[in-house]
Amino acid sequence: MDDPEPEQARDAHPDVLIVEDERIARKALAFLLTCSGYNAQAYGTAEEALDRATTPPRVALIDVDLPGM
């Protein structure tokens, strides 16, 4: 069973924004950061992140080889 996207931890104010098109890498990064006490939002495309992110993150982890970029 798939989790709904985006993966969001604790509240609507992420400390870390993840943009990664590979689902397993995206979910793993979000999981590790959440387990380490960070709030994280993860998205599969830059467009999705721009449309859905509600506040500017403190840190952004962005895949440099995203399709369409």
C-alpha atoms as a PDB file:
ATOM      1  CA  MET A   1       0.000   0.000   0.000  1.00  0.00           C
ATOM      2  CA  ASP A   2       1.385   3.399  -1.029  1.00  0.00           C
ATOM      3  CA  ASP A   3       1.518   6.361   1.304  1.00  0.00           C
ATOM      4  CA  PRO A   4      -0.147   9.553   0.054  1.00  0.00           C
ATOM      5  CA  GLU A   5       2.170  12.138  -1.478  1.00  0.00           C
ATOM      6  CA  PRO A   6       3.688  14.401  -0.321  1.00  0.00           C
ATOM      7  CA  GLU A   7       5.241  12.748   2.706  1.00  0.00           C
ATOM      8  CA  GLN A   8       4.823  15.265   5.494  1.00  0.00           C
ATOM      9  CA  ALA A   9       6.095  15.140   9.051  1.00  0.00           C
ATOM     10  CA  ARG A  10       4.375  16.609  12.117  1.00  0.00           C
ATOM     11  CA  ASP A  11       3.125  19.972  10.818  1.00  0.00           C
ATOM     12  CA  ALA A  12       2.707  22.198   7.781  1.00  0.00           C
ATOM     13  CA  HIS A  13       6.006  24.061   8.324  1.00  0.00           C
ATOM     14  CA  PRO A  14       8.817  21.893   6.986  1.00  0.00           C
ATOM     15  CA  ASP A  15      12.416  22.486   7.900  1.00  0.00           C
ATOM     16  CA  VAL A  16      13.560  20.400   4.908  1.00  0.00           C
ATOM     17  CA  LEU A  17      12.130  20.277   1.394  1.00  0.00           C
ATOM     18  CA  ILE A  18      13.012  17.194  -0.681  1.00  0.00           C
ATOM     19  CA  VAL A  19      12.562  17.138  -4.466  1.00  0.00           C
ATOM     20  CA  GLU A  20      13.478  13.733  -5.904  1.00  0.00           C
ATOM     21  CA  ASP A  21      11.865  11.908  -8.819  1.00  0.00           C
ATOM     22  CA  GLU A  22      12.970   8.444  -7.674  1.00  0.00           C
ATOM     23  CA  ARG A  23      10.260   7.315  -5.257  1.00  0.00           C
ATOM     24  CA  ILE A  24      12.422   5.022  -3.105  1.00  0.00           C
ATOM     25  CA  ALA A  25      15.139   7.659  -2.632  1.00  0.00           C
ATOM     26  CA  ARG A  26      12.501  10.320  -1.861  1.00  0.00           C
ATOM     27  CA  LYS A  27      10.759   8.156   0.746  1.00  0.00           C
ATOM     28  CA  ALA A  28      14.069   7.052   2.303  1.00  0.00           C
ATOM     29  CA  LEU A  29      15.320  10.637   2.667  1.00  0.00           C
ATOM     30  CA  ALA A  30      12.019  11.761   4.197  1.00  0.00           C
ATOM     31  CA  PHE A  31      12.035   8.794   6.595  1.00  0.00           C
ATOM     32  CA  LEU A  32      15.637   9.332   7.720  1.00  0.00           C
ATOM     33  CA  LEU A  33      15.158  13.050   8.236  1.00  0.00           C
ATOM     34  CA  THR A  34      11.911  12.528  10.148  1.00  0.00           C
ATOM     35  CA  CYS A  35      13.554   9.899  12.379  1.00  0.00           C
ATOM     36  CA  SER A  36      16.330  12.410  13.040  1.00  0.00           C
ATOM     37  CA  GLY A  37      13.847  14.990  14.299  1.00  0.00           C
ATOM     38  CA  TYR A  38      13.447  17.153  11.201  1.00  0.00           C
ATOM     39  CA  ASN A  39      10.154  18.162   9.648  1.00  0.00           C
ATOM     40  CA  ALA A  40      10.246  17.148   5.988  1.00  0.00           C
ATOM     41  CA  GLN A  41       8.071  17.454   2.901  1.00  0.00           C
ATOM     42  CA  ALA A  42       8.978  15.383  -0.137  1.00  0.00           C
ATOM     43  CA  TYR A  43       7.822  15.820  -3.725  1.00  0.00           C
ATOM     44  CA  GLY A  44       8.489  14.004  -6.975  1.00  0.00           C
ATOM     45  CA  THR A  45       8.752  17.051  -9.257  1.00  0.00           C
ATOM     46  CA  ALA A  46       9.846  20.660  -8.958  1.00  0.00           C
ATOM     47  CA  GLU A  47       6.441  21.792 -10.214  1.00  0.00           C
ATOM     48  CA  GLU A  48       4.688  19.814  -7.481  1.00  0.00           C
ATOM     49  CA  ALA A  49       6.984  21.262  -4.813  1.00  0.00           C
ATOM     50  CA  LEU A  50       6.359  24.816  -6.038  1.00  0.00           C
ATOM     51  CA  ASP A  51       2.588  24.258  -6.156  1.00  0.00           C
ATOM     52  CA  ARG A  52       2.222  22.507  -2.788  1.00  0.00           C
ATOM     53  CA  ALA A  53       4.958  23.735  -0.479  1.00  0.00           C
ATOM     54  CA  THR A  54       3.312  26.106   1.970  1.00  0.00           C
ATOM     55  CA  THR A  55       6.323  27.826   3.520  1.00  0.00           C
ATOM     56  CA  PRO A  56       9.942  28.367   2.506  1.00  0.00           C
ATOM     57  CA  PRO A  57      12.130  25.556   3.879  1.00  0.00           C
ATOM     58  CA  ARG A  58      15.309  26.108   5.840  1.00  0.00           C
ATOM     59  CA  VAL A  59      17.049  23.489   3.670  1.00  0.00           C
ATOM     60  CA  ALA A  60      16.180  22.110   0.229  1.00  0.00           C
ATOM     61  CA  LEU A  61      17.533  18.800  -1.089  1.00  0.00           C
ATOM     62  CA  ILE A  62      16.968  18.843  -4.850  1.00  0.00           C
ATOM     63  CA  ASP A  63      17.875  16.176  -7.413  1.00  0.00           C
ATOM     64  CA  VAL A  64      20.070  17.837 -10.068  1.00  0.00           C
ATOM     65  CA  ASP A  65      18.832  15.439 -12.781  1.00  0.00           C
ATOM     66  CA  LEU A  66      15.091  16.049 -12.462  1.00  0.00           C
ATOM     67  CA  PRO A  67      13.171  15.451 -15.694  1.00  0.00           C
ATOM     68  CA  GLY A  68      12.027  18.705 -17.281  1.00  0.00           C
ATOM     69  CA  MET A  69      14.681  20.834 -15.605  1.00  0.00           C
END
